[in-house]
Amino acid sequence: MKKKYQYTTLVLCLLTQFLLAQSENDTLKNKNILIVYGGWLGHQPEVFADKIANWLEAQEANVTLSESTGIYLDKTVMSKTDLIIQHITMSTIKSSESKALQNAVANGTALAGCHGGLGDAFRNDTEYQYMIGGQFVKHPGGQVDYTVKISEPEHIITEGIKDFSLNSEQYYMHLDPSINVIATTVFNGDHDPWIEGVEMPVVWTKTYGKGKIFYSSLGHSADIFEIPEVWQIMTRGVTWAVSKNMN
C-alpha cells in the first residue's frame, strides 16, 4: 500500500509540473517582452538577459533586448510591450525615462525582475522604489548559507516548491507593507546581532496602477539560477506577471 501511495504521489507531482509548464507556454506565446539590462557588471546582467531571453523564446514569446533605459522613451516599443524584465543594478536613469517606465506600468504593462536588477536599481529614484515595493540596503556577511521559506505554498508561483537552502547574498531590504509576500527568509544575527530573528520577504508580487509586478531577491550570480527552485520561481513569476491571474 505504501509503494502504491508513493507511486500515485509521484505521478501527481509529474502531472502538476507538466500542466504548469504547458500553462507557461500558452500564457507567454506571442507576448511582447522587453528585457532591459546593464548596470553593475558583478551581477552579470548580459548572462541573465541571455538566459531569460532564450527561455522566453522557447515559450514562443516575442523578445526585444536593450542595454539602455532610453528605450523606455520609445513609444512604438512601449505601446506594444506586455512585460518588461529589468536587470540593472545601481546605475542611474533620467527622470524622463523613469517617468515613462512608471507610466507604462501604471497603464497595465507588467514588470518583473530579481536581485539587484530590480530591487537595487536607481538608488536616488524614490518613485521607482515605490513602484517596486522594496529597496536593497545590505546583505550581512556577504555570501552566507540561508533558507528560503515558502510562505504561500498554494500560490501559482510557488505551488509544489518546498523550502530550500542556498549559499548566496541574503538581501535585507526596506519594504512597502502592501506587498503580497510569497516567500521569506530569517536572519540568524551572526553578522549583525540586532537583526536576529528578522523575517524578510524574498519573493513578492504587487500592483502599481493597473500593472502587475513580480520580484525575487534571489539571483546574485548565474549559478544561483541552476538551483531548480530559484529558476522555477523566476520563470513562474514572469509568467504570472503577464497572465490575467491576479492572485
C-alpha atoms as a PDB file:
ATOM      1  CA  MET A   1       0.000   0.000   0.000  1.00  0.00           C
ATOM      2  CA  LYS A   2       2.872   2.366   0.860  1.00  0.00           C
ATOM      3  CA  LYS A   3       4.540   1.813  -2.528  1.00  0.00           C
ATOM      4  CA  LYS A   4       1.235   2.399  -4.318  1.00  0.00           C
ATOM      5  CA  TYR A   5       0.775   5.668  -2.409  1.00  0.00           C
ATOM      6  CA  GLN A   6       4.305   6.813  -3.250  1.00  0.00           C
ATOM      7  CA  TYR A   7       3.776   5.958  -6.929  1.00  0.00           C
ATOM      8  CA  THR A   8       0.483   7.860  -7.034  1.00  0.00           C
ATOM      9  CA  THR A   9       2.113  10.881  -5.365  1.00  0.00           C
ATOM     10  CA  LEU A  10       4.951  10.830  -7.902  1.00  0.00           C
ATOM     11  CA  VAL A  11       2.522  10.659 -10.826  1.00  0.00           C
ATOM     12  CA  LEU A  12       0.516  13.591  -9.447  1.00  0.00           C
ATOM     13  CA  CYS A  13       3.678  15.676  -8.963  1.00  0.00           C
ATOM     14  CA  LEU A  14       4.828  14.972 -12.516  1.00  0.00           C
ATOM     15  CA  LEU A  15       1.387  15.757 -13.891  1.00  0.00           C
ATOM     16  CA  THR A  16       1.330  19.045 -11.967  1.00  0.00           C
ATOM     17  CA  GLN A  17       4.741  20.009 -13.360  1.00  0.00           C
ATOM     18  CA  PHE A  18       3.600  19.160 -16.905  1.00  0.00           C
ATOM     19  CA  LEU A  19       0.413  21.195 -16.608  1.00  0.00           C
ATOM     20  CA  LEU A  20       2.281  24.191 -15.164  1.00  0.00           C
ATOM     21  CA  ALA A  21       4.850  24.030 -17.982  1.00  0.00           C
ATOM     22  CA  GLN A  22       2.069  23.848 -20.565  1.00  0.00           C
ATOM     23  CA  SER A  23       0.339  26.803 -18.916  1.00  0.00           C
ATOM     24  CA  GLU A  24       3.551  28.845 -19.106  1.00  0.00           C
ATOM     25  CA  ASN A  25       3.860  28.160 -22.821  1.00  0.00           C
ATOM     26  CA  ASP A  26       0.235  29.092 -23.517  1.00  0.00           C
ATOM     27  CA  THR A  27       0.472  32.270 -21.420  1.00  0.00           C
ATOM     28  CA  LEU A  28       3.712  33.563 -22.952  1.00  0.00           C
ATOM     29  CA  LYS A  29       3.099  32.616 -26.580  1.00  0.00           C
ATOM     30  CA  ASN A  30       3.123  35.701 -28.828  1.00  0.00           C
ATOM     31  CA  LYS A  31       3.551  38.064 -25.869  1.00  0.00           C
ATOM     32  CA  ASN A  32       5.848  41.038 -26.494  1.00  0.00           C
ATOM     33  CA  ILE A  33       8.533  41.083 -23.824  1.00  0.00           C
ATOM     34  CA  LEU A  34      11.202  43.739 -23.381  1.00  0.00           C
ATOM     35  CA  ILE A  35      14.392  42.846 -21.491  1.00  0.00           C
ATOM     36  CA  VAL A  36      16.415  45.858 -20.351  1.00  0.00           C
ATOM     37  CA  TYR A  37      19.788  45.112 -18.769  1.00  0.00           C
ATOM     38  CA  GLY A  38      23.021  46.756 -17.668  1.00  0.00           C
ATOM     39  CA  GLY A  39      24.417  48.450 -14.580  1.00  0.00           C
ATOM     40  CA  TRP A  40      26.945  46.831 -12.254  1.00  0.00           C
ATOM     41  CA  LEU A  41      28.733  44.022 -14.101  1.00  0.00           C
ATOM     42  CA  GLY A  42      29.181  41.954 -10.938  1.00  0.00           C
ATOM     43  CA  HIS A  43      25.594  40.759 -11.336  1.00  0.00           C
ATOM     44  CA  GLN A  44      26.313  39.516 -14.865  1.00  0.00           C
ATOM     45  CA  PRO A  45      23.398  41.367 -16.497  1.00  0.00           C
ATOM     46  CA  GLU A  46      24.121  40.097 -20.008  1.00  0.00           C
ATOM     47  CA  VAL A  47      24.302  36.481 -18.817  1.00  0.00           C
ATOM     48  CA  PHE A  48      20.934  36.818 -17.105  1.00  0.00           C
ATOM     49  CA  ALA A  49      19.392  38.616 -20.084  1.00  0.00           C
ATOM     50  CA  ASP A  50      20.529  35.899 -22.485  1.00  0.00           C
ATOM     51  CA  LYS A  51      19.307  33.098 -20.214  1.00  0.00           C
ATOM     52  CA  ILE A  52      15.835  34.508 -19.674  1.00  0.00           C
ATOM     53  CA  ALA A  53      15.564  35.539 -23.352  1.00  0.00           C
ATOM     54  CA  ASN A  54      16.394  32.006 -24.515  1.00  0.00           C
ATOM     55  CA  TRP A  55      13.776  30.577 -22.185  1.00  0.00           C
ATOM     56  CA  LEU A  56      11.153  33.074 -23.321  1.00  0.00           C
ATOM     57  CA  GLU A  57      11.844  32.362 -26.972  1.00  0.00           C
ATOM     58  CA  ALA A  58      11.369  28.661 -26.242  1.00  0.00           C
ATOM     59  CA  GLN A  59       7.902  29.627 -24.955  1.00  0.00           C
ATOM     60  CA  GLU A  60       7.299  31.382 -28.308  1.00  0.00           C
ATOM     61  CA  ALA A  61       7.335  34.896 -26.875  1.00  0.00           C
ATOM     62  CA  ASN A  62       8.493  37.872 -28.937  1.00  0.00           C
ATOM     63  CA  VAL A  63      11.628  39.157 -27.207  1.00  0.00           C
ATOM     64  CA  THR A  64      13.386  42.523 -27.532  1.00  0.00           C
ATOM     65  CA  LEU A  65      16.658  43.186 -25.698  1.00  0.00           C
ATOM     66  CA  SER A  66      18.077  46.594 -24.844  1.00  0.00           C
ATOM     67  CA  GLU A  67      21.142  47.775 -22.933  1.00  0.00           C
ATOM     68  CA  SER A  68      19.692  51.272 -22.488  1.00  0.00           C
ATOM     69  CA  THR A  69      16.910  52.672 -20.327  1.00  0.00           C
ATOM     70  CA  GLY A  70      16.431  55.124 -23.182  1.00  0.00           C
ATOM     71  CA  ILE A  71      14.164  52.503 -24.745  1.00  0.00           C
ATOM     72  CA  TYR A  72      11.545  53.427 -22.148  1.00  0.00           C
ATOM     73  CA  LEU A  73      11.066  56.625 -24.185  1.00  0.00           C
ATOM     74  CA  ASP A  74      10.393  54.700 -27.397  1.00  0.00           C
ATOM     75  CA  LYS A  75       6.629  54.974 -27.686  1.00  0.00           C
ATOM     76  CA  THR A  76       6.462  52.457 -30.531  1.00  0.00           C
ATOM     77  CA  VAL A  77       8.174  49.746 -28.493  1.00  0.00           C
ATOM     78  CA  MET A  78       6.477  50.552 -25.204  1.00  0.00           C
ATOM     79  CA  SER A  79       2.965  50.718 -26.660  1.00  0.00           C
ATOM     80  CA  LYS A  80       3.116  47.081 -27.722  1.00  0.00           C
ATOM     81  CA  THR A  81       5.066  45.673 -24.757  1.00  0.00           C
ATOM     82  CA  ASP A  82       3.195  43.260 -22.486  1.00  0.00           C
ATOM     83  CA  LEU A  83       6.008  42.718 -19.986  1.00  0.00           C
ATOM     84  CA  ILE A  84       9.287  44.405 -19.055  1.00  0.00           C
ATOM     85  CA  ILE A  85      12.030  42.378 -17.406  1.00  0.00           C
ATOM     86  CA  GLN A  86      14.680  44.690 -15.999  1.00  0.00           C
ATOM     87  CA  HIS A  87      18.143  43.667 -14.762  1.00  0.00           C
ATOM     88  CA  ILE A  88      20.066  46.858 -13.946  1.00  0.00           C
ATOM     89  CA  THR A  89      21.885  47.028 -10.615  1.00  0.00           C
ATOM     90  CA  MET A  90      22.557  50.522  -9.271  1.00  0.00           C
ATOM     91  CA  SER A  91      23.303  52.802 -12.264  1.00  0.00           C
ATOM     92  CA  THR A  92      21.209  55.902 -12.940  1.00  0.00           C
ATOM     93  CA  ILE A  93      18.170  56.722 -15.021  1.00  0.00           C
ATOM     94  CA  LYS A  94      16.981  60.014 -16.491  1.00  0.00           C
ATOM     95  CA  SER A  95      13.820  61.354 -14.906  1.00  0.00           C
ATOM     96  CA  SER A  96      12.035  61.267 -18.266  1.00  0.00           C
ATOM     97  CA  GLU A  97      12.950  57.583 -18.725  1.00  0.00           C
ATOM     98  CA  SER A  98      11.848  56.688 -15.204  1.00  0.00           C
ATOM     99  CA  LYS A  99       8.577  58.508 -15.670  1.00  0.00           C
ATOM    100  CA  ALA A 100       7.961  56.685 -18.950  1.00  0.00           C
ATOM    101  CA  LEU A 101       8.557  53.335 -17.230  1.00  0.00           C
ATOM    102  CA  GLN A 102       6.233  54.249 -14.374  1.00  0.00           C
ATOM    103  CA  ASN A 103       3.513  55.373 -16.787  1.00  0.00           C
ATOM    104  CA  ALA A 104       3.789  52.150 -18.775  1.00  0.00           C
ATOM    105  CA  VAL A 105       3.373  50.010 -15.659  1.00  0.00           C
ATOM    106  CA  ALA A 106       0.604  52.184 -14.249  1.00  0.00           C
ATOM    107  CA  ASN A 107      -1.274  51.735 -17.530  1.00  0.00           C
ATOM    108  CA  GLY A 108      -1.019  47.936 -17.456  1.00  0.00           C
ATOM    109  CA  THR A 109       2.405  46.821 -18.672  1.00  0.00           C
ATOM    110  CA  ALA A 110       3.756  44.125 -16.349  1.00  0.00           C
ATOM    111  CA  LEU A 111       7.198  44.391 -14.732  1.00  0.00           C
ATOM    112  CA  ALA A 112       9.393  41.578 -13.396  1.00  0.00           C
ATOM    113  CA  GLY A 113      12.927  41.079 -12.181  1.00  0.00           C
ATOM    114  CA  CYS A 114      15.216  39.802  -9.498  1.00  0.00           C
ATOM    115  CA  HIS A 115      18.009  40.563  -7.058  1.00  0.00           C
ATOM    116  CA  GLY A 116      19.741  43.922  -7.603  1.00  0.00           C
ATOM    117  CA  GLY A 117      18.483  44.117 -11.186  1.00  0.00           C
ATOM    118  CA  LEU A 118      15.084  45.281  -9.989  1.00  0.00           C
ATOM    119  CA  GLY A 119      15.498  45.704  -6.233  1.00  0.00           C
ATOM    120  CA  ASP A 120      18.674  47.819  -6.225  1.00  0.00           C
ATOM    121  CA  ALA A 121      18.368  49.954  -9.340  1.00  0.00           C
ATOM    122  CA  PHE A 122      18.472  53.754  -9.459  1.00  0.00           C
ATOM    123  CA  ARG A 123      19.096  54.330  -5.742  1.00  0.00           C
ATOM    124  CA  ASN A 124      18.174  58.019  -5.877  1.00  0.00           C
ATOM    125  CA  ASP A 125      14.815  57.418  -7.546  1.00  0.00           C
ATOM    126  CA  THR A 126      12.268  57.056  -4.741  1.00  0.00           C
ATOM    127  CA  GLU A 127       9.245  56.889  -7.054  1.00  0.00           C
ATOM    128  CA  TYR A 128      10.866  53.911  -8.772  1.00  0.00           C
ATOM    129  CA  GLN A 129      11.356  52.249  -5.364  1.00  0.00           C
ATOM    130  CA  TYR A 130       7.731  52.998  -4.501  1.00  0.00           C
ATOM    131  CA  MET A 131       6.693  51.185  -7.673  1.00  0.00           C
ATOM    132  CA  ILE A 132       8.851  48.109  -6.992  1.00  0.00           C
ATOM    133  CA  GLY A 133       7.805  47.762  -3.358  1.00  0.00           C
ATOM    134  CA  GLY A 134      11.267  47.405  -1.839  1.00  0.00           C
ATOM    135  CA  GLN A 135      14.879  48.540  -1.923  1.00  0.00           C
ATOM    136  CA  PHE A 136      18.043  46.608  -1.054  1.00  0.00           C
ATOM    137  CA  VAL A 137      20.077  48.097   1.790  1.00  0.00           C
ATOM    138  CA  LYS A 138      22.521  45.349   2.877  1.00  0.00           C
ATOM    139  CA  HIS A 139      23.477  41.670   2.674  1.00  0.00           C
ATOM    140  CA  PRO A 140      25.038  40.997   6.103  1.00  0.00           C
ATOM    141  CA  GLY A 141      28.026  38.671   5.847  1.00  0.00           C
ATOM    142  CA  GLY A 142      28.115  38.725   2.050  1.00  0.00           C
ATOM    143  CA  GLN A 143      27.755  35.158   0.764  1.00  0.00           C
ATOM    144  CA  VAL A 144      26.071  33.150   3.514  1.00  0.00           C
ATOM    145  CA  ASP A 145      24.068  29.956   3.956  1.00  0.00           C
ATOM    146  CA  TYR A 146      20.372  30.637   4.422  1.00  0.00           C
ATOM    147  CA  THR A 147      16.948  29.109   3.885  1.00  0.00           C
ATOM    148  CA  VAL A 148      14.069  30.350   1.764  1.00  0.00           C
ATOM    149  CA  LYS A 149      10.709  29.588   3.351  1.00  0.00           C
ATOM    150  CA  ILE A 150       7.677  29.295   1.082  1.00  0.00           C
ATOM    151  CA  SER A 151       5.025  31.275   2.947  1.00  0.00           C
ATOM    152  CA  GLU A 152       2.299  30.929   0.278  1.00  0.00           C
ATOM    153  CA  PRO A 153       2.567  27.294  -0.906  1.00  0.00           C
ATOM    154  CA  GLU A 154      -0.683  27.461  -2.874  1.00  0.00           C
ATOM    155  CA  HIS A 155       0.319  30.484  -4.942  1.00  0.00           C
ATOM    156  CA  ILE A 156       0.785  29.674  -8.640  1.00  0.00           C
ATOM    157  CA  ILE A 157       4.408  30.893  -8.436  1.00  0.00           C
ATOM    158  CA  THR A 158       5.366  28.601  -5.546  1.00  0.00           C
ATOM    159  CA  GLU A 159       2.953  25.685  -5.897  1.00  0.00           C
ATOM    160  CA  GLY A 160       4.772  22.401  -5.306  1.00  0.00           C
ATOM    161  CA  ILE A 161       8.023  24.110  -4.246  1.00  0.00           C
ATOM    162  CA  LYS A 162       9.314  23.221  -0.786  1.00  0.00           C
ATOM    163  CA  ASP A 163      11.533  25.314   1.494  1.00  0.00           C
ATOM    164  CA  PHE A 164      15.128  25.239   0.232  1.00  0.00           C
ATOM    165  CA  SER A 165      18.599  26.411   1.224  1.00  0.00           C
ATOM    166  CA  LEU A 166      21.388  28.092  -0.710  1.00  0.00           C
ATOM    167  CA  ASN A 167      24.665  29.971  -0.308  1.00  0.00           C
ATOM    168  CA  SER A 168      24.351  33.483  -1.684  1.00  0.00           C
ATOM    169  CA  GLU A 169      23.598  37.059  -0.687  1.00  0.00           C
ATOM    170  CA  GLN A 170      20.739  37.232   1.798  1.00  0.00           C
ATOM    171  CA  TYR A 171      19.087  40.539   0.978  1.00  0.00           C
ATOM    172  CA  TYR A 172      17.990  42.877   3.776  1.00  0.00           C
ATOM    173  CA  MET A 173      15.504  45.326   2.269  1.00  0.00           C
ATOM    174  CA  HIS A 174      13.368  48.346   3.088  1.00  0.00           C
ATOM    175  CA  LEU A 175       9.825  47.406   2.138  1.00  0.00           C
ATOM    176  CA  ASP A 176       6.344  48.569   1.245  1.00  0.00           C
ATOM    177  CA  PRO A 177       3.966  46.874   3.735  1.00  0.00           C
ATOM    178  CA  SER A 178       1.362  46.424   0.990  1.00  0.00           C
ATOM    179  CA  ILE A 179       3.363  43.836  -0.994  1.00  0.00           C
ATOM    180  CA  ASN A 180       1.995  40.286  -1.287  1.00  0.00           C
ATOM    181  CA  VAL A 181       4.763  38.149   0.225  1.00  0.00           C
ATOM    182  CA  ILE A 182       5.039  34.555  -1.007  1.00  0.00           C
ATOM    183  CA  ALA A 183       8.492  33.558   0.282  1.00  0.00           C
ATOM    184  CA  THR A 184      10.679  34.761   3.152  1.00  0.00           C
ATOM    185  CA  THR A 185      13.997  34.203   4.927  1.00  0.00           C
ATOM    186  CA  VAL A 186      15.041  34.609   8.564  1.00  0.00           C
ATOM    187  CA  PHE A 187      18.294  36.308   9.567  1.00  0.00           C
ATOM    188  CA  ASN A 188      20.327  34.459  12.222  1.00  0.00           C
ATOM    189  CA  GLY A 189      22.152  37.505  13.604  1.00  0.00           C
ATOM    190  CA  ASP A 190      25.639  36.037  13.142  1.00  0.00           C
ATOM    191  CA  HIS A 191      26.881  39.206  11.455  1.00  0.00           C
ATOM    192  CA  ASP A 192      24.541  41.866  12.861  1.00  0.00           C
ATOM    193  CA  PRO A 193      23.143  40.556  16.170  1.00  0.00           C
ATOM    194  CA  TRP A 194      20.364  43.150  16.375  1.00  0.00           C
ATOM    195  CA  ILE A 195      18.572  41.625  13.365  1.00  0.00           C
ATOM    196  CA  GLU A 196      18.490  38.073  14.735  1.00  0.00           C
ATOM    197  CA  GLY A 197      15.104  36.522  14.028  1.00  0.00           C
ATOM    198  CA  VAL A 198      14.021  39.147  11.491  1.00  0.00           C
ATOM    199  CA  GLU A 199      11.847  37.537   8.809  1.00  0.00           C
ATOM    200  CA  MET A 200      12.466  39.246   5.484  1.00  0.00           C
ATOM    201  CA  PRO A 201      10.444  38.891   2.269  1.00  0.00           C
ATOM    202  CA  VAL A 202      12.350  37.187  -0.572  1.00  0.00           C
ATOM    203  CA  VAL A 203       9.651  36.878  -3.237  1.00  0.00           C
ATOM    204  CA  TRP A 204       6.652  39.133  -3.654  1.00  0.00           C
ATOM    205  CA  THR A 205       4.019  40.409  -6.036  1.00  0.00           C
ATOM    206  CA  LYS A 206       2.213  43.736  -6.087  1.00  0.00           C
ATOM    207  CA  THR A 207       0.435  46.164  -8.360  1.00  0.00           C
ATOM    208  CA  TYR A 208       1.254  49.694  -9.435  1.00  0.00           C
ATOM    209  CA  GLY A 209      -1.773  51.273 -11.017  1.00  0.00           C
ATOM    210  CA  LYS A 210      -3.029  48.673 -13.492  1.00  0.00           C
ATOM    211  CA  GLY A 211       0.351  46.940 -13.793  1.00  0.00           C
ATOM    212  CA  LYS A 212       1.449  43.718 -12.084  1.00  0.00           C
ATOM    213  CA  ILE A 213       4.923  43.456 -10.555  1.00  0.00           C
ATOM    214  CA  PHE A 214       6.911  40.340  -9.633  1.00  0.00           C
ATOM    215  CA  TYR A 215      10.153  40.444  -7.643  1.00  0.00           C
ATOM    216  CA  SER A 216      12.582  37.842  -6.281  1.00  0.00           C
ATOM    217  CA  SER A 217      15.703  38.809  -4.330  1.00  0.00           C
ATOM    218  CA  LEU A 218      17.397  35.588  -5.498  1.00  0.00           C
ATOM    219  CA  GLY A 219      19.882  35.677  -8.374  1.00  0.00           C
ATOM    220  CA  HIS A 220      23.258  37.119  -7.403  1.00  0.00           C
ATOM    221  CA  SER A 221      25.137  35.044  -9.995  1.00  0.00           C
ATOM    222  CA  ALA A 222      24.487  32.665 -12.875  1.00  0.00           C
ATOM    223  CA  ASP A 223      24.998  29.538 -10.741  1.00  0.00           C
ATOM    224  CA  ILE A 224      22.095  30.530  -8.478  1.00  0.00           C
ATOM    225  CA  PHE A 225      19.713  30.084 -11.403  1.00  0.00           C
ATOM    226  CA  GLU A 226      20.903  26.481 -11.707  1.00  0.00           C
ATOM    227  CA  ILE A 227      19.089  25.796  -8.426  1.00  0.00           C
ATOM    228  CA  PRO A 228      15.761  24.351  -9.667  1.00  0.00           C
ATOM    229  CA  GLU A 229      13.616  26.179  -7.122  1.00  0.00           C
ATOM    230  CA  VAL A 230      15.192  29.555  -7.942  1.00  0.00           C
ATOM    231  CA  TRP A 231      14.662  29.148 -11.684  1.00  0.00           C
ATOM    232  CA  GLN A 232      11.121  27.844 -11.225  1.00  0.00           C
ATOM    233  CA  ILE A 233      10.222  30.857  -9.089  1.00  0.00           C
ATOM    234  CA  MET A 234      11.748  33.208 -11.664  1.00  0.00           C
ATOM    235  CA  THR A 235      10.014  31.709 -14.691  1.00  0.00           C
ATOM    236  CA  ARG A 236       6.697  31.277 -12.931  1.00  0.00           C
ATOM    237  CA  GLY A 237       6.907  34.855 -11.677  1.00  0.00           C
ATOM    238  CA  VAL A 238       7.430  36.106 -15.216  1.00  0.00           C
ATOM    239  CA  THR A 239       4.502  34.001 -16.385  1.00  0.00           C
ATOM    240  CA  TRP A 240       2.266  35.252 -13.560  1.00  0.00           C
ATOM    241  CA  ALA A 241       3.135  38.864 -14.344  1.00  0.00           C
ATOM    242  CA  VAL A 242       1.987  38.627 -17.935  1.00  0.00           C
ATOM    243  CA  SER A 243      -1.060  36.463 -17.191  1.00  0.00           C
ATOM    244  CA  LYS A 244      -4.571  37.592 -16.275  1.00  0.00           C
ATOM    245  CA  ASN A 245      -4.255  35.864 -12.898  1.00  0.00           C
ATOM    246  CA  MET A 246      -4.167  38.488 -10.127  1.00  0.00           C
ATOM    247  CA  ASN A 247      -3.658  36.038  -7.234  1.00  0.00           C
END
